[in-house]
Amino acid sequence: MISCLIIDDEPFARQQLADLLASETDFKIIEECSNAIDGLHAINKHQPQVIFLDIQMPRITGLELISMLSPENMPRVVFVTAFDEYAVKAFDNNAFDYLLKPIEDNRFKQTIDKVRNDLAPQAIQSIAPEYIEHLPCYCGNKLKVVATEDVEYIFSDVGGIHVNASNSYCHTQLTLKVLEEKTPLVRCHKQYLLAPRAISEIELLDTGAEVTTHSGEKVPVSRRYLKPLKQVLGFQ
């Protein structure tokens, strides 16, 4: 059984895909999502083999969502779009496949056959933007989109990954590894990433250092990462 996920903000588009997939007995829809934040949660939770992903979605686009995934956990991505220019871009950059809205039955069958016949990992990470501009976050029962440029630091503990943006805390399901690779944040500690622009001062300690941010927050810097951090800031 081939597990698949539908991520699209348009109810009609999700329903059309669900109806088409219902006739494919070897495909199983594990979840349908109406936005990229829920989609990211579902991908991390279910690890689907295929995702049918709308490109043009509010706040966080399909391309931005893909950039938030680790390459080693990348599913096959079939982009679904109403815009030809997006489809051509996705296909030319080695996306697994694409479908134009409204989806034609014959074209859908071609995509399904392609998925069945090709189970090798796809090199689709090249379609992802180099940097993540928005972070999908959770604040209690609210979903929040945080601009990366507003983040001062991010840290991990037993409670998850915590994002501090202007002294406002929320959580994200993105890993520190992905965040380090895809944002301007730099590693300053095994459990911390820090925005260089947020640094007000650095106090040197025997065990490393402690950063004070412009908002007055304290962030630890381990000895291992102190020299690289100083170099980023222009210190010798």
Foldseek 3Di string as FASTA:
>chain_A
DAEEEEEAQDPVQVVLVVVLCVVVVVYDYPYYHNHLQVVLVCCVVPLGQEYEAEQDDPPAGPLLSLLLDDLVSDHQYEYEYQDPVVQVLQVVQFRLYYAHPPGDSVVVVVSVVSCVVDSDRTPRNSSHDQARQWFFWADPPDIDIHGLVQWFKWFQDPVAIWTAGLNDITHGNRDPVSNCRHGCWHDQDPGMTGRLQQFDDWAQDPQGIWTQGPSGDIDHGGNVCRVVSCVVVPHD
